[in-house]
N, C-alpha and C. Protein backbone atom coordinates (compact mmCIF):
# COMPACT_ATOMS: atom_id res chain seq x y z
N MET A 1 39.97 -7.01 -24.79
CA MET A 1 39.39 -8.46 -24.47
C MET A 1 38.86 -7.02 -23.47
N ALA A 2 39.91 -6.33 -22.75
CA ALA A 2 39.09 -5.48 -22.26
C ALA A 2 38.66 -4.28 -22.80
N GLU A 3 38.71 -4.09 -23.63
CA GLU A 3 37.89 -3.59 -24.26
C GLU A 3 36.29 -3.73 -24.32
N PHE A 4 36.38 -4.70 -25.45
CA PHE A 4 34.87 -5.49 -25.19
C PHE A 4 34.12 -5.96 -24.71
N ILE A 5 34.74 -5.74 -23.11
CA ILE A 5 34.05 -6.38 -22.00
C ILE A 5 33.39 -4.90 -21.52
N HIS A 6 34.43 -4.07 -21.47
CA HIS A 6 33.87 -1.85 -21.05
C HIS A 6 33.22 -1.79 -21.82
N ASP A 7 33.02 -2.34 -23.07
CA ASP A 7 31.65 -1.40 -24.46
C ASP A 7 30.83 -2.61 -24.32
N HIS A 8 30.75 -3.77 -24.64
CA HIS A 8 29.28 -4.72 -24.90
C HIS A 8 28.80 -5.35 -23.49
N ILE A 9 30.25 -5.77 -22.58
CA ILE A 9 29.31 -6.72 -21.23
C ILE A 9 29.08 -5.79 -19.91
N GLN A 10 30.01 -4.73 -20.18
CA GLN A 10 29.54 -4.03 -18.90
C GLN A 10 28.48 -3.32 -18.60
N PRO A 11 28.41 -2.57 -19.96
CA PRO A 11 26.73 -1.68 -19.56
C PRO A 11 25.64 -2.71 -20.00
N TYR A 12 25.57 -3.94 -20.34
CA TYR A 12 24.30 -4.43 -20.94
C TYR A 12 24.00 -6.32 -19.92
N PHE A 13 24.84 -5.41 -19.81
CA PHE A 13 24.95 -6.32 -17.22
C PHE A 13 24.50 -7.36 -17.16
N ASN A 14 23.31 -6.57 -16.97
CA ASN A 14 21.59 -6.98 -16.28
C ASN A 14 20.97 -8.18 -18.21
N TYR A 15 20.95 -7.39 -19.05
CA TYR A 15 21.17 -8.14 -20.44
C TYR A 15 21.39 -8.96 -20.55
N TRP A 16 22.64 -10.10 -20.27
CA TRP A 16 23.82 -10.74 -20.54
C TRP A 16 22.81 -12.23 -19.15
N VAL A 17 22.77 -10.95 -17.86
CA VAL A 17 22.04 -12.24 -17.37
C VAL A 17 21.77 -12.51 -17.42
N TYR A 18 20.56 -12.50 -18.32
CA TYR A 18 19.00 -12.29 -17.95
C TYR A 18 19.21 -13.89 -19.25
N VAL A 19 20.25 -12.77 -20.51
CA VAL A 19 19.96 -14.69 -21.58
C VAL A 19 20.28 -15.76 -21.28
N ILE A 20 21.71 -15.37 -20.18
CA ILE A 20 22.41 -16.70 -19.51
C ILE A 20 20.85 -17.54 -18.80
N ILE A 21 19.80 -16.85 -17.82
CA ILE A 21 18.58 -17.31 -17.28
C ILE A 21 17.85 -18.22 -17.97
N MET A 22 18.08 -17.31 -19.03
CA MET A 22 16.84 -18.11 -20.05
C MET A 22 17.52 -18.95 -20.52
N MET A 23 18.58 -19.26 -21.81
CA MET A 23 19.13 -20.87 -21.54
C MET A 23 19.06 -21.44 -20.60
N ILE A 24 19.63 -21.28 -19.59
CA ILE A 24 19.00 -22.37 -18.67
C ILE A 24 17.85 -22.66 -18.92
N GLY A 25 16.88 -22.47 -18.50
CA GLY A 25 15.73 -23.05 -18.54
C GLY A 25 15.24 -23.29 -20.38
N LEU A 26 15.70 -22.45 -20.53
CA LEU A 26 15.85 -23.95 -22.34
C LEU A 26 16.11 -24.97 -21.96
N TRP A 27 16.98 -25.04 -21.58
CA TRP A 27 18.01 -26.18 -21.22
C TRP A 27 16.86 -27.37 -20.72
N ALA A 28 16.26 -26.70 -19.55
CA ALA A 28 15.94 -27.38 -18.89
C ALA A 28 14.91 -28.11 -19.00
N LEU A 29 14.33 -27.36 -19.73
CA LEU A 29 13.62 -27.54 -21.61
C LEU A 29 12.92 -28.99 -21.69
N ILE A 30 14.60 -29.02 -22.33
CA ILE A 30 15.23 -29.00 -23.83
C ILE A 30 15.22 -30.98 -23.15
N ALA A 31 16.44 -30.92 -21.99
CA ALA A 31 16.92 -31.48 -22.11
C ALA A 31 16.85 -33.01 -20.72
N LYS A 32 15.92 -31.87 -20.12
CA LYS A 32 15.52 -33.27 -18.89
C LYS A 32 13.98 -34.17 -19.40
N ASN A 33 13.74 -35.36 -18.32
CA ASN A 33 13.18 -36.56 -18.85
C ASN A 33 12.41 -36.00 -18.04
N ASN A 34 12.42 -35.37 -17.03
CA ASN A 34 10.56 -35.63 -16.26
C ASN A 34 9.38 -33.78 -16.39
N LEU A 35 8.86 -34.50 -17.13
CA LEU A 35 7.78 -33.03 -16.81
C LEU A 35 7.54 -32.57 -15.76
N ILE A 36 7.60 -32.71 -14.46
CA ILE A 36 7.72 -31.19 -13.67
C ILE A 36 9.09 -30.56 -13.74
N LYS A 37 10.42 -30.50 -13.97
CA LYS A 37 12.03 -30.81 -14.55
C LYS A 37 11.60 -29.54 -15.60
N LYS A 38 11.21 -30.38 -16.63
CA LYS A 38 10.38 -29.11 -17.65
C LYS A 38 9.55 -28.25 -17.42
N LEU A 39 8.78 -27.93 -16.57
CA LEU A 39 7.58 -27.27 -15.75
C LEU A 39 8.97 -25.91 -15.59
N ILE A 40 9.16 -26.54 -14.45
CA ILE A 40 10.31 -25.03 -13.35
C ILE A 40 11.14 -25.25 -14.49
N GLY A 41 11.40 -25.80 -15.96
CA GLY A 41 12.66 -25.23 -16.50
C GLY A 41 11.89 -23.97 -17.58
N LEU A 42 10.25 -24.12 -18.13
CA LEU A 42 9.77 -22.98 -18.83
C LEU A 42 9.71 -22.01 -17.85
N SER A 43 8.98 -22.13 -16.84
CA SER A 43 9.23 -21.15 -15.76
C SER A 43 10.28 -20.28 -15.24
N ILE A 44 11.11 -20.92 -15.18
CA ILE A 44 12.27 -20.12 -15.26
C ILE A 44 12.74 -19.79 -16.62
N PHE A 45 12.25 -20.57 -17.70
CA PHE A 45 12.67 -18.70 -18.94
C PHE A 45 11.97 -18.07 -19.21
N GLN A 46 10.14 -18.58 -18.85
CA GLN A 46 9.84 -17.02 -18.83
C GLN A 46 9.40 -15.99 -17.56
N THR A 47 10.34 -16.54 -16.65
CA THR A 47 10.72 -15.52 -15.70
C THR A 47 12.18 -14.69 -15.70
N ALA A 48 12.73 -14.98 -16.96
CA ALA A 48 13.89 -14.59 -17.58
C ALA A 48 13.05 -13.56 -18.32
N ILE A 49 12.23 -13.89 -19.10
CA ILE A 49 12.54 -13.01 -20.19
C ILE A 49 11.21 -11.69 -19.12
N ILE A 50 10.29 -12.02 -19.22
CA ILE A 50 9.59 -11.29 -17.63
C ILE A 50 10.82 -10.19 -17.60
N LEU A 51 11.63 -10.65 -16.96
CA LEU A 51 13.06 -9.87 -16.32
C LEU A 51 13.46 -8.88 -17.77
N PHE A 52 13.77 -9.44 -18.64
CA PHE A 52 14.12 -8.81 -19.74
C PHE A 52 13.52 -7.15 -20.16
N TYR A 53 11.93 -8.08 -20.44
CA TYR A 53 10.96 -6.68 -20.58
C TYR A 53 11.80 -5.49 -19.63
N VAL A 54 11.33 -5.56 -18.45
CA VAL A 54 11.22 -5.37 -17.85
C VAL A 54 11.90 -4.36 -17.31
N SER A 55 13.31 -4.68 -17.24
CA SER A 55 14.36 -4.23 -17.47
C SER A 55 14.81 -2.42 -18.76
N MET A 56 13.76 -4.00 -19.92
CA MET A 56 13.87 -2.31 -21.30
C MET A 56 13.22 -1.46 -21.33
N GLY A 57 11.78 -1.71 -19.91
CA GLY A 57 11.30 0.28 -20.40
C GLY A 57 11.53 0.73 -18.56
N VAL A 58 12.75 0.53 -18.16
CA VAL A 58 13.38 1.54 -17.36
C VAL A 58 14.09 2.25 -18.30
N LYS A 59 13.98 3.81 -17.66
CA LYS A 59 14.97 5.13 -18.22
C LYS A 59 15.41 6.25 -17.17
N ASP A 60 16.76 6.42 -17.82
CA ASP A 60 17.90 6.98 -16.66
C ASP A 60 16.27 7.92 -15.71
N GLY A 61 16.76 8.14 -14.85
CA GLY A 61 16.00 9.63 -14.27
C GLY A 61 14.74 9.99 -13.93
N ALA A 62 14.21 9.12 -14.49
CA ALA A 62 12.29 8.72 -15.07
C ALA A 62 11.97 9.45 -13.76
N THR A 63 10.96 9.42 -14.33
CA THR A 63 10.06 9.35 -12.45
C THR A 63 8.58 7.98 -13.27
N ILE A 64 7.92 7.64 -12.95
CA ILE A 64 6.38 7.56 -13.26
C ILE A 64 5.08 8.71 -12.93
N PRO A 65 4.60 8.06 -14.61
CA PRO A 65 3.96 9.28 -15.10
C PRO A 65 2.14 8.86 -14.16
N ILE A 66 2.56 10.37 -13.16
CA ILE A 66 1.33 10.44 -12.55
C ILE A 66 1.07 12.52 -12.64
N LEU A 67 -0.05 12.19 -13.22
CA LEU A 67 -0.63 13.72 -13.67
C LEU A 67 -1.82 14.64 -12.24
N GLY A 68 -1.53 15.87 -12.33
CA GLY A 68 -2.87 16.36 -11.60
C GLY A 68 -4.12 15.72 -11.65
N HIS A 69 -4.87 15.96 -11.84
CA HIS A 69 -6.17 16.53 -11.89
C HIS A 69 -7.42 17.09 -11.92
N HIS A 70 -7.43 17.09 -13.16
CA HIS A 70 -7.83 18.17 -14.90
C HIS A 70 -7.45 19.36 -14.37
N GLY A 71 -6.39 18.83 -14.65
CA GLY A 71 -5.61 21.07 -15.53
C GLY A 71 -5.31 21.20 -13.95
N SER A 72 -5.47 20.53 -12.78
CA SER A 72 -4.66 21.26 -11.18
C SER A 72 -2.71 21.38 -11.84
N SER A 73 -2.44 22.37 -11.12
CA SER A 73 -0.80 21.86 -10.87
C SER A 73 0.38 20.74 -9.94
N PRO A 74 0.51 20.06 -10.59
CA PRO A 74 0.83 19.42 -10.38
C PRO A 74 2.46 19.83 -8.99
N PRO A 75 2.55 19.11 -8.08
CA PRO A 75 3.24 19.08 -7.13
C PRO A 75 4.60 19.23 -6.99
N ALA A 76 4.77 20.01 -6.59
CA ALA A 76 6.29 21.80 -6.21
C ALA A 76 7.36 20.90 -6.42
N SER A 77 7.25 18.59 -5.89
CA SER A 77 8.35 17.84 -5.86
C SER A 77 8.42 17.35 -7.99
N GLU A 78 7.83 17.75 -8.25
CA GLU A 78 7.48 16.78 -9.62
C GLU A 78 7.47 18.93 -11.08
N HIS A 79 8.80 19.13 -10.60
CA HIS A 79 8.27 20.33 -11.11
C HIS A 79 8.13 20.75 -13.28
N ARG A 80 9.41 19.85 -12.49
CA ARG A 80 10.61 19.90 -13.49
C ARG A 80 10.05 18.97 -15.48
N LEU A 81 8.81 18.26 -14.44
CA LEU A 81 8.50 17.56 -15.51
C LEU A 81 7.63 17.91 -16.11
N PHE A 82 7.20 19.01 -15.88
CA PHE A 82 5.90 20.37 -17.03
C PHE A 82 6.16 21.64 -17.03
N GLU A 83 5.90 21.84 -18.15
CA GLU A 83 6.05 23.34 -18.65
C GLU A 83 4.50 24.54 -19.05
N ASP A 84 4.76 25.01 -17.86
CA ASP A 84 4.00 25.89 -18.18
C ASP A 84 3.01 26.56 -19.67
N LEU A 85 1.88 26.32 -20.11
CA LEU A 85 1.62 26.59 -20.89
C LEU A 85 1.11 28.06 -21.61
N ASP A 86 1.67 28.76 -20.55
CA ASP A 86 0.67 30.05 -20.13
C ASP A 86 2.26 31.21 -20.43
N GLU A 87 2.91 30.67 -19.73
CA GLU A 87 3.71 31.54 -19.92
C GLU A 87 3.87 32.55 -21.71
N GLU A 88 5.11 33.85 -21.29
CA GLU A 88 4.47 34.15 -22.10
C GLU A 88 6.20 34.33 -23.50
N GLU A 89 7.50 33.31 -23.22
CA GLU A 89 8.11 33.30 -23.70
C GLU A 89 8.30 30.94 -23.42
N PRO A 90 8.32 31.06 -24.96
CA PRO A 90 8.63 29.80 -25.31
C PRO A 90 9.74 28.55 -23.99
N LYS A 91 9.82 27.90 -23.86
CA LYS A 91 10.80 27.89 -23.02
C LYS A 91 11.30 26.60 -24.35
N LYS A 92 12.54 25.70 -23.92
CA LYS A 92 12.81 24.88 -24.43
C LYS A 92 12.81 23.08 -24.08
N ALA A 93 12.67 22.30 -24.43
CA ALA A 93 12.99 20.93 -24.02
C ALA A 93 14.79 20.46 -24.30
N HIS A 94 14.97 20.37 -24.51
CA HIS A 94 16.23 19.24 -25.86
C HIS A 94 16.89 20.71 -26.79
N GLY A 95 16.59 21.77 -26.73
CA GLY A 95 17.14 22.44 -27.53
C GLY A 95 16.06 22.31 -28.33
N LYS A 96 15.19 22.40 -28.51
CA LYS A 96 13.31 22.70 -29.41
C LYS A 96 13.24 23.83 -28.40
N PRO A 97 11.76 24.23 -29.17
CA PRO A 97 10.97 25.38 -28.17
C PRO A 97 9.83 24.47 -28.22
N VAL A 98 9.03 24.80 -27.47
CA VAL A 98 8.17 24.60 -27.01
C VAL A 98 6.75 24.95 -27.76
N ASP A 99 6.11 23.96 -28.24
CA ASP A 99 5.15 24.52 -29.28
C ASP A 99 4.29 24.68 -28.40
N HIS A 100 3.73 26.20 -27.66
CA HIS A 100 2.23 27.09 -26.85
C HIS A 100 1.13 26.48 -27.29
N HIS A 101 0.82 26.62 -28.78
CA HIS A 101 -0.22 26.43 -29.32
C HIS A 101 -0.61 24.93 -29.62
N ALA A 102 -0.14 23.84 -29.13
CA ALA A 102 -0.25 23.03 -29.58
C ALA A 102 -1.67 22.58 -29.29
N ALA A 103 -2.71 22.99 -28.75
CA ALA A 103 -3.66 22.74 -28.16
C ALA A 103 -4.51 23.93 -29.56
N ASP A 104 -4.45 24.61 -30.06
CA ASP A 104 -4.95 25.80 -31.62
C ASP A 104 -5.26 24.94 -32.39
N ASP A 105 -6.83 24.42 -33.03
CA ASP A 105 -6.47 23.28 -34.29
C ASP A 105 -5.82 24.45 -35.29
N GLU A 106 -6.65 24.18 -37.09
CA GLU A 106 -6.07 24.61 -38.26
C GLU A 106 -5.94 25.93 -38.33
N HIS A 107 -7.72 26.32 -38.00
CA HIS A 107 -7.75 27.71 -37.73
C HIS A 107 -7.77 28.65 -36.27
N GLY A 108 -6.90 28.39 -35.62
CA GLY A 108 -5.90 29.56 -34.57
C GLY A 108 -7.18 29.66 -33.49
N GLU A 109 -7.86 28.37 -33.79
CA GLU A 109 -8.71 28.92 -33.11
C GLU A 109 -8.54 27.62 -31.03
N ASP A 110 -8.47 28.31 -29.69
CA ASP A 110 -7.84 27.98 -28.82
C ASP A 110 -9.20 27.01 -28.59
N HIS A 111 -8.25 25.07 -27.80
CA HIS A 111 -9.84 24.15 -27.46
C HIS A 111 -9.18 23.79 -25.94
N THR A 112 -8.53 24.66 -25.10
CA THR A 112 -8.38 24.62 -23.97
C THR A 112 -9.11 25.12 -22.69
N HIS A 113 -9.87 25.78 -24.15
CA HIS A 113 -11.37 26.33 -22.50
C HIS A 113 -11.10 27.00 -21.29
N GLY A 114 -9.90 27.60 -22.03
CA GLY A 114 -9.98 29.40 -21.44
C GLY A 114 -9.24 28.93 -20.39
N HIS A 115 -9.11 28.09 -19.09
CA HIS A 115 -8.15 27.53 -18.29
C HIS A 115 -6.82 27.13 -18.40
N ALA A 116 -6.51 28.28 -16.88
CA ALA A 116 -5.62 28.67 -17.01
C ALA A 116 -4.80 27.63 -16.27
N GLY A 117 -2.81 27.91 -16.73
CA GLY A 117 -2.42 26.76 -16.17
C GLY A 117 -2.30 25.29 -16.97
N HIS A 118 -2.45 24.95 -17.67
CA HIS A 118 -2.43 23.84 -18.54
C HIS A 118 -0.67 23.69 -18.26
N HIS A 119 0.08 22.46 -18.26
CA HIS A 119 0.50 21.29 -18.56
C HIS A 119 1.19 20.63 -19.34
N LYS A 120 2.48 21.06 -19.76
CA LYS A 120 2.64 20.14 -21.42
C LYS A 120 3.58 19.13 -20.23
N THR A 121 3.29 18.22 -20.93
CA THR A 121 4.40 16.93 -19.47
C THR A 121 5.98 17.07 -20.36
N ASN A 122 6.85 16.70 -20.40
CA ASN A 122 8.66 16.19 -20.62
C ASN A 122 8.36 14.76 -21.04
N PRO A 123 7.93 13.99 -21.77
CA PRO A 123 8.30 12.46 -22.35
C PRO A 123 9.15 12.19 -22.35
N ASP A 124 10.65 12.65 -22.24
CA ASP A 124 12.12 12.03 -21.56
C ASP A 124 11.64 12.18 -20.29
N LEU A 125 10.96 12.96 -18.70
CA LEU A 125 12.11 12.36 -17.98
C LEU A 125 10.39 11.60 -17.53
N ILE A 126 9.58 10.19 -17.94
CA ILE A 126 8.99 10.17 -17.56
C ILE A 126 8.50 8.11 -18.52
N ALA A 127 9.29 7.49 -17.13
CA ALA A 127 9.19 6.22 -17.63
C ALA A 127 7.36 5.46 -18.43
N ASN A 128 7.97 4.93 -19.55
CA ASN A 128 6.03 4.32 -20.24
C ASN A 128 6.53 3.33 -18.95
N PRO A 129 4.85 3.22 -18.83
CA PRO A 129 4.63 1.93 -18.38
C PRO A 129 3.51 0.98 -19.13
N LEU A 130 3.69 1.12 -20.10
CA LEU A 130 3.73 0.10 -20.99
C LEU A 130 4.22 -1.51 -20.75
N PRO A 131 5.08 -1.38 -20.79
CA PRO A 131 6.78 -2.77 -21.07
C PRO A 131 5.82 -3.20 -18.98
N HIS A 132 5.51 -2.02 -18.13
CA HIS A 132 5.84 -3.52 -16.80
C HIS A 132 4.02 -3.59 -16.32
N VAL A 133 3.36 -3.34 -17.53
CA VAL A 133 2.06 -3.97 -17.29
C VAL A 133 1.63 -4.65 -17.95
N LEU A 134 2.22 -4.97 -19.10
CA LEU A 134 2.37 -6.33 -20.33
C LEU A 134 3.05 -7.41 -19.44
N MET A 135 4.18 -6.65 -18.86
CA MET A 135 4.17 -7.89 -17.69
C MET A 135 3.85 -8.81 -16.38
N LEU A 136 3.20 -7.20 -15.75
CA LEU A 136 2.01 -8.31 -15.38
C LEU A 136 1.29 -9.13 -16.09
N THR A 137 0.65 -8.58 -16.68
CA THR A 137 -0.08 -9.41 -17.53
C THR A 137 0.15 -11.22 -17.87
N ALA A 138 1.48 -10.51 -18.37
CA ALA A 138 2.78 -11.94 -18.52
C ALA A 138 2.75 -12.64 -17.29
N ILE A 139 2.96 -12.17 -16.56
CA ILE A 139 3.16 -12.90 -15.17
C ILE A 139 1.33 -13.46 -14.61
N VAL A 140 0.23 -13.20 -14.54
CA VAL A 140 -1.21 -13.75 -14.59
C VAL A 140 -1.12 -15.06 -15.11
N VAL A 141 -0.57 -14.82 -17.09
CA VAL A 141 -0.93 -15.94 -17.62
C VAL A 141 -0.20 -17.12 -17.95
N GLY A 142 1.39 -16.48 -17.34
CA GLY A 142 2.20 -17.13 -16.99
C GLY A 142 2.07 -18.68 -15.50
N VAL A 143 1.03 -18.39 -14.64
CA VAL A 143 0.47 -18.95 -13.53
C VAL A 143 -0.51 -19.77 -13.34
N ALA A 144 -1.00 -19.31 -14.38
CA ALA A 144 -2.76 -19.69 -15.42
C ALA A 144 -2.44 -20.75 -15.77
N THR A 145 -1.06 -20.52 -16.94
CA THR A 145 -0.45 -22.00 -17.56
C THR A 145 0.23 -22.91 -16.79
N LEU A 146 0.66 -22.33 -15.94
CA LEU A 146 1.04 -23.23 -14.67
C LEU A 146 0.31 -24.20 -14.44
N GLY A 147 -0.59 -23.72 -13.53
CA GLY A 147 -1.14 -24.31 -12.81
C GLY A 147 -2.15 -25.11 -14.01
N VAL A 148 -2.16 -24.73 -15.70
CA VAL A 148 -3.26 -26.31 -16.03
C VAL A 148 -1.75 -27.82 -16.50
N ALA A 149 -0.80 -26.80 -16.36
CA ALA A 149 0.30 -27.51 -16.72
C ALA A 149 0.21 -28.59 -15.32
N LEU A 150 0.28 -27.85 -14.50
CA LEU A 150 0.45 -29.08 -13.56
C LEU A 150 -1.11 -30.05 -13.45
N ALA A 151 -1.69 -29.25 -13.51
CA ALA A 151 -3.26 -29.92 -13.78
C ALA A 151 -2.74 -31.64 -14.27
N ILE A 152 -2.90 -31.21 -15.92
CA ILE A 152 -2.51 -31.88 -16.49
C ILE A 152 -1.19 -33.74 -16.24
N SER A 153 0.65 -32.84 -16.01
CA SER A 153 0.78 -33.78 -14.62
C SER A 153 0.51 -34.76 -14.13
N GLN A 154 -0.54 -33.99 -13.22
CA GLN A 154 -1.32 -34.93 -12.08
C GLN A 154 -1.72 -36.12 -12.64
N MET A 155 -2.75 -35.83 -14.34
CA MET A 155 -3.30 -36.68 -15.19
C MET A 155 -2.52 -38.14 -15.76
N ILE A 156 -1.76 -37.68 -15.66
CA ILE A 156 -1.00 -37.87 -16.23
C ILE A 156 -0.15 -39.25 -15.73
N PHE A 157 0.61 -38.29 -14.49
CA PHE A 157 0.79 -39.88 -14.06
C PHE A 157 -0.31 -40.12 -12.91
N LYS A 158 -1.24 -39.99 -13.00
CA LYS A 158 -2.70 -41.38 -12.46
C LYS A 158 -2.75 -41.83 -13.49
N GLU A 159 -2.62 -41.79 -15.29
CA GLU A 159 -2.88 -43.11 -15.75
C GLU A 159 -1.81 -43.45 -16.72
N PHE A 160 -0.40 -43.28 -15.76
CA PHE A 160 0.94 -43.78 -16.75
C PHE A 160 1.41 -44.29 -15.35
N GLY A 161 1.48 -44.14 -14.56
CA GLY A 161 1.66 -44.30 -13.43
C GLY A 161 3.40 -43.49 -13.47
N SER A 162 4.21 -42.34 -13.69
CA SER A 162 4.59 -41.75 -14.24
C SER A 162 5.07 -40.06 -14.91
N LEU A 163 6.49 -39.48 -14.83
CA LEU A 163 6.27 -38.76 -14.63
C LEU A 163 7.58 -38.26 -15.87
N GLU A 164 8.32 -40.23 -16.85
CA GLU A 164 9.55 -39.68 -17.25
C GLU A 164 8.61 -39.85 -18.37
N GLU A 165 9.43 -38.68 -19.29
CA GLU A 165 8.73 -38.74 -21.06
C GLU A 165 8.57 -39.65 -21.94
N ASP A 166 10.15 -40.93 -21.05
CA ASP A 166 10.54 -41.77 -22.15
C ASP A 166 10.00 -42.64 -21.62
N GLU A 167 9.35 -43.03 -20.39
CA GLU A 167 8.01 -44.19 -19.17
C GLU A 167 6.86 -44.18 -20.31
N ILE A 168 6.03 -42.85 -20.24
CA ILE A 168 5.09 -42.74 -21.35
C ILE A 168 5.42 -42.46 -22.14
N LEU A 169 6.27 -42.47 -23.20
CA LEU A 169 6.05 -42.99 -24.51
C LEU A 169 6.28 -43.81 -25.13
N GLU A 170 7.22 -45.25 -23.93
CA GLU A 170 7.37 -46.46 -24.17
C GLU A 170 5.92 -47.44 -24.55
N GLU A 171 5.36 -47.21 -23.07
CA GLU A 171 3.32 -46.86 -22.64
C GLU A 171 2.68 -47.08 -23.95
N ILE A 172 2.78 -45.88 -24.78
CA ILE A 172 1.83 -45.40 -24.93
C ILE A 172 2.36 -46.10 -27.08
N LYS A 173 3.69 -46.32 -26.63
CA LYS A 173 3.58 -47.16 -27.95
C LYS A 173 3.47 -48.73 -27.77
N ALA A 174 3.27 -48.91 -26.49
CA ALA A 174 3.26 -50.54 -26.09
C ALA A 174 2.12 -50.73 -26.53
N SER A 175 1.02 -49.37 -25.97
CA SER A 175 -0.57 -49.32 -25.86
C SER A 175 -0.89 -50.17 -27.46
N ALA A 176 -0.12 -48.98 -28.08
CA ALA A 176 -0.84 -48.65 -29.22
C ALA A 176 -0.03 -49.90 -31.06
N SER A 177 0.41 -50.62 -29.91
CA SER A 177 0.93 -51.22 -31.03
C SER A 177 -0.20 -52.64 -30.12
N ASP A 178 -0.50 -53.48 -29.18
CA ASP A 178 -1.52 -54.50 -29.34
C ASP A 178 -2.77 -53.96 -29.22
N GLY A 179 -3.26 -52.59 -28.99
CA GLY A 179 -4.65 -52.60 -30.07
C GLY A 179 -5.01 -52.73 -31.05
């Protein structure tokens, strides 16, 4: 049992927490009868998914992908992120030699336009910003959806005098059988 915890739970502890939070939100969404409580469960579920995706986008030891403007040299603090393309001897990135002729086309022509100091970025040392950007969009969509759902809940309350799902369904059935 201790080996299972050490191998499967401890390294992925944050993911387990997100799954637990997600299940709490799903339970509230399914088990509660009050529409506002269902919306709270939906928000909890959405938050757990956002945390999950942001956590997946994290890379140990990585930094943000801010590069110099128009081929300028990177700051001295970020020198490990870049490899000079103008050096004579190829550097090795993770055991593989760096291709200094990546800008050359199939005919051997150099398309770097003669600029010195071109750098090649090491992708292993830069975090991918895409999951974080997508989750920012998901937050905005979630807030808008929650706002619309609250407005609809308000209209339902004005129409039926309750936010309890059972009472609303009973009143709908009663009005359908009368009409």
